[in-house]
Amino acid sequence: MHISLTPELEAKIKSKVESGMYNNASEVVREALRYMEQNQELILQLKMDRLRTEVAIGANQAESGTFSHRTVQDIIAELNEDRNA
């Protein structure tokens, strides 16, 4: 199997291997996948909590007549930036 990673992710994996905690990149990826599987419910709950918070903020702003001038594309771009950070 071959996968493509961003330069940032490659650097993180290399850093983990260089730290001596892992013997190679495959071990780092396997550990990350195990962690993701074990914590999938927690990850989903955190995402849902963030979504609820953001929706509540928007609802409160709408009730008070405060509206954003950002476009849907602006919001999506911001979310993608947060995800990649």
N, C-alpha and C. Protein backbone atom coordinates (compact mmCIF):
# COMPACT_ATOMS: atom_id res chain seq x y z
N MET A 1 0.85 -1.17 0.00
CA MET A 1 0.00 0.00 0.00
C MET A 1 0.90 1.24 0.00
N HIS A 2 0.51 2.21 -0.80
CA HIS A 2 1.24 3.46 -0.86
C HIS A 2 0.28 4.58 -0.49
N ILE A 3 0.75 5.51 0.32
CA ILE A 3 -0.07 6.65 0.70
C ILE A 3 0.71 7.94 0.46
N SER A 4 -0.03 9.01 0.25
CA SER A 4 0.58 10.32 0.07
C SER A 4 0.34 11.14 1.32
N LEU A 5 1.38 11.80 1.80
CA LEU A 5 1.28 12.63 2.99
C LEU A 5 1.75 14.04 2.67
N THR A 6 1.24 14.99 3.42
CA THR A 6 1.73 16.36 3.29
C THR A 6 3.16 16.40 3.84
N PRO A 7 3.94 17.38 3.44
CA PRO A 7 5.29 17.50 4.00
C PRO A 7 5.28 17.63 5.53
N GLU A 8 4.25 18.28 6.07
CA GLU A 8 4.15 18.45 7.52
C GLU A 8 3.96 17.10 8.21
N LEU A 9 3.08 16.26 7.65
CA LEU A 9 2.86 14.94 8.25
C LEU A 9 4.10 14.06 8.12
N GLU A 10 4.77 14.14 6.99
CA GLU A 10 6.02 13.39 6.83
C GLU A 10 7.04 13.81 7.88
N ALA A 11 7.13 15.11 8.13
CA ALA A 11 8.08 15.61 9.13
C ALA A 11 7.72 15.10 10.52
N LYS A 12 6.43 15.06 10.82
CA LYS A 12 6.01 14.55 12.14
C LYS A 12 6.38 13.09 12.30
N ILE A 13 6.16 12.31 11.26
CA ILE A 13 6.49 10.89 11.32
C ILE A 13 8.00 10.71 11.47
N LYS A 14 8.78 11.43 10.69
CA LYS A 14 10.24 11.35 10.79
C LYS A 14 10.72 11.72 12.18
N SER A 15 10.09 12.74 12.76
CA SER A 15 10.45 13.18 14.11
C SER A 15 10.19 12.08 15.14
N LYS A 16 9.07 11.38 14.99
CA LYS A 16 8.76 10.28 15.91
C LYS A 16 9.79 9.16 15.79
N VAL A 17 10.17 8.84 14.57
CA VAL A 17 11.18 7.78 14.36
C VAL A 17 12.52 8.23 14.93
N GLU A 18 12.91 9.48 14.64
CA GLU A 18 14.19 10.00 15.13
C GLU A 18 14.25 10.09 16.64
N SER A 19 13.09 10.20 17.30
CA SER A 19 13.07 10.28 18.76
C SER A 19 13.44 8.94 19.40
N GLY A 20 13.39 7.88 18.60
CA GLY A 20 13.70 6.55 19.12
C GLY A 20 12.49 5.81 19.66
N MET A 21 11.33 6.46 19.66
CA MET A 21 10.12 5.82 20.18
C MET A 21 9.60 4.75 19.21
N TYR A 22 9.94 4.89 17.94
CA TYR A 22 9.49 3.97 16.90
C TYR A 22 10.68 3.57 16.03
N ASN A 23 10.64 2.36 15.50
CA ASN A 23 11.72 1.89 14.65
C ASN A 23 11.62 2.38 13.22
N ASN A 24 10.39 2.65 12.77
CA ASN A 24 10.21 3.08 11.38
C ASN A 24 8.87 3.78 11.22
N ALA A 25 8.66 4.33 10.03
CA ALA A 25 7.43 5.09 9.76
C ALA A 25 6.19 4.21 9.85
N SER A 26 6.30 2.95 9.46
CA SER A 26 5.14 2.05 9.51
C SER A 26 4.64 1.89 10.94
N GLU A 27 5.55 1.81 11.90
CA GLU A 27 5.14 1.69 13.29
C GLU A 27 4.38 2.93 13.75
N VAL A 28 4.84 4.10 13.32
CA VAL A 28 4.16 5.35 13.69
C VAL A 28 2.74 5.36 13.13
N VAL A 29 2.59 5.00 11.87
CA VAL A 29 1.27 5.00 11.23
C VAL A 29 0.36 3.96 11.89
N ARG A 30 0.88 2.77 12.17
CA ARG A 30 0.06 1.73 12.82
C ARG A 30 -0.42 2.20 14.19
N GLU A 31 0.48 2.82 14.95
CA GLU A 31 0.11 3.32 16.27
C GLU A 31 -0.96 4.40 16.17
N ALA A 32 -0.81 5.29 15.20
CA ALA A 32 -1.80 6.36 15.01
C ALA A 32 -3.17 5.77 14.64
N LEU A 33 -3.17 4.75 13.79
CA LEU A 33 -4.43 4.12 13.40
C LEU A 33 -5.07 3.40 14.59
N ARG A 34 -4.25 2.72 15.40
CA ARG A 34 -4.78 2.06 16.60
C ARG A 34 -5.39 3.08 17.54
N TYR A 35 -4.69 4.20 17.74
CA TYR A 35 -5.19 5.25 18.61
C TYR A 35 -6.52 5.79 18.09
N MET A 36 -6.58 6.02 16.79
CA MET A 36 -7.81 6.53 16.18
C MET A 36 -8.96 5.55 16.41
N GLU A 37 -8.72 4.27 16.19
CA GLU A 37 -9.76 3.26 16.39
C GLU A 37 -10.22 3.22 17.83
N GLN A 38 -9.28 3.24 18.77
CA GLN A 38 -9.60 3.15 20.19
C GLN A 38 -10.35 4.38 20.68
N ASN A 39 -10.11 5.50 20.05
CA ASN A 39 -10.69 6.76 20.53
C ASN A 39 -11.70 7.36 19.57
N GLN A 40 -12.21 6.56 18.66
CA GLN A 40 -13.13 7.06 17.65
C GLN A 40 -14.38 7.70 18.26
N GLU A 41 -14.93 7.07 19.29
CA GLU A 41 -16.13 7.63 19.92
C GLU A 41 -15.82 8.97 20.57
N LEU A 42 -14.67 9.06 21.25
CA LEU A 42 -14.27 10.32 21.86
C LEU A 42 -14.07 11.40 20.81
N ILE A 43 -13.42 11.05 19.72
CA ILE A 43 -13.18 12.00 18.63
C ILE A 43 -14.51 12.50 18.07
N LEU A 44 -15.45 11.60 17.84
CA LEU A 44 -16.76 11.99 17.33
C LEU A 44 -17.47 12.92 18.32
N GLN A 45 -17.39 12.60 19.61
CA GLN A 45 -18.04 13.43 20.62
C GLN A 45 -17.43 14.83 20.65
N LEU A 46 -16.10 14.92 20.54
CA LEU A 46 -15.45 16.23 20.52
C LEU A 46 -15.89 17.05 19.31
N LYS A 47 -15.99 16.39 18.15
CA LYS A 47 -16.44 17.09 16.94
C LYS A 47 -17.89 17.57 17.10
N MET A 48 -18.73 16.71 17.68
CA MET A 48 -20.14 17.09 17.87
C MET A 48 -20.25 18.25 18.87
N ASP A 49 -19.45 18.22 19.93
CA ASP A 49 -19.47 19.31 20.91
C ASP A 49 -19.06 20.62 20.27
N ARG A 50 -18.05 20.57 19.42
CA ARG A 50 -17.60 21.79 18.74
C ARG A 50 -18.70 22.30 17.81
N LEU A 51 -19.33 21.39 17.09
CA LEU A 51 -20.41 21.78 16.17
C LEU A 51 -21.56 22.42 16.95
N ARG A 52 -21.95 21.80 18.06
CA ARG A 52 -23.03 22.36 18.88
C ARG A 52 -22.68 23.76 19.38
N THR A 53 -21.44 23.93 19.80
CA THR A 53 -20.99 25.24 20.29
C THR A 53 -21.08 26.28 19.18
N GLU A 54 -20.60 25.93 18.00
CA GLU A 54 -20.62 26.86 16.88
C GLU A 54 -22.05 27.19 16.45
N VAL A 55 -22.93 26.19 16.45
CA VAL A 55 -24.33 26.43 16.09
C VAL A 55 -24.99 27.33 17.13
N ALA A 56 -24.70 27.12 18.40
CA ALA A 56 -25.27 27.96 19.46
C ALA A 56 -24.80 29.40 19.31
N ILE A 57 -23.53 29.58 18.99
CA ILE A 57 -23.02 30.95 18.76
C ILE A 57 -23.77 31.60 17.62
N GLY A 58 -23.93 30.87 16.52
CA GLY A 58 -24.66 31.41 15.37
C GLY A 58 -26.10 31.73 15.70
N ALA A 59 -26.74 30.86 16.46
CA ALA A 59 -28.15 31.10 16.84
C ALA A 59 -28.26 32.34 17.70
N ASN A 60 -27.35 32.49 18.65
CA ASN A 60 -27.37 33.68 19.51
C ASN A 60 -27.12 34.95 18.71
N GLN A 61 -26.20 34.88 17.75
CA GLN A 61 -25.93 36.05 16.92
C GLN A 61 -27.14 36.40 16.06
N ALA A 62 -27.81 35.39 15.52
CA ALA A 62 -28.99 35.64 14.69
C ALA A 62 -30.11 36.26 15.52
N GLU A 63 -30.29 35.77 16.74
CA GLU A 63 -31.33 36.33 17.62
C GLU A 63 -31.06 37.79 17.97
N SER A 64 -29.77 38.14 18.07
CA SER A 64 -29.43 39.52 18.42
C SER A 64 -29.28 40.41 17.19
N GLY A 65 -29.46 39.82 16.00
CA GLY A 65 -29.36 40.61 14.77
C GLY A 65 -27.94 40.83 14.28
N THR A 66 -27.00 40.07 14.82
CA THR A 66 -25.60 40.18 14.41
C THR A 66 -25.33 39.12 13.35
N PHE A 67 -24.94 39.57 12.17
CA PHE A 67 -24.70 38.63 11.08
C PHE A 67 -23.29 38.81 10.53
N SER A 68 -22.75 37.74 10.01
CA SER A 68 -21.41 37.73 9.44
C SER A 68 -21.50 38.07 7.95
N HIS A 69 -20.45 38.70 7.47
CA HIS A 69 -20.37 39.00 6.04
C HIS A 69 -19.52 37.97 5.31
N ARG A 70 -19.08 36.92 6.03
CA ARG A 70 -18.30 35.87 5.40
C ARG A 70 -19.20 35.02 4.50
N THR A 71 -18.62 34.54 3.42
CA THR A 71 -19.35 33.65 2.53
C THR A 71 -19.20 32.21 3.02
N VAL A 72 -20.00 31.32 2.48
CA VAL A 72 -19.88 29.91 2.81
C VAL A 72 -18.48 29.42 2.45
N GLN A 73 -17.94 29.88 1.33
CA GLN A 73 -16.60 29.50 0.91
C GLN A 73 -15.55 29.96 1.93
N ASP A 74 -15.73 31.16 2.49
CA ASP A 74 -14.81 31.66 3.52
C ASP A 74 -14.82 30.74 4.74
N ILE A 75 -16.00 30.35 5.15
CA ILE A 75 -16.15 29.50 6.33
C ILE A 75 -15.54 28.13 6.09
N ILE A 76 -15.79 27.56 4.92
CA ILE A 76 -15.22 26.24 4.59
C ILE A 76 -13.70 26.33 4.56
N ALA A 77 -13.16 27.38 3.97
CA ALA A 77 -11.70 27.55 3.91
C ALA A 77 -11.12 27.65 5.31
N GLU A 78 -11.78 28.37 6.18
CA GLU A 78 -11.32 28.51 7.57
C GLU A 78 -11.35 27.15 8.29
N LEU A 79 -12.40 26.39 8.09
CA LEU A 79 -12.49 25.07 8.70
C LEU A 79 -11.40 24.14 8.18
N ASN A 80 -11.11 24.22 6.90
CA ASN A 80 -10.04 23.40 6.32
C ASN A 80 -8.67 23.81 6.89
N GLU A 81 -8.46 25.11 7.10
CA GLU A 81 -7.22 25.56 7.70
C GLU A 81 -7.08 25.03 9.12
N ASP A 82 -8.17 25.08 9.89
CA ASP A 82 -8.15 24.56 11.27
C ASP A 82 -7.84 23.07 11.28
N ARG A 83 -8.42 22.36 10.35
CA ARG A 83 -8.23 20.90 10.28
C ARG A 83 -6.79 20.56 9.94
N ASN A 84 -6.14 21.37 9.10
CA ASN A 84 -4.78 21.10 8.67
C ASN A 84 -3.74 21.62 9.65
N ALA A 85 -4.17 22.39 10.62
CA ALA A 85 -3.22 22.95 11.60
C ALA A 85 -2.78 21.94 12.61
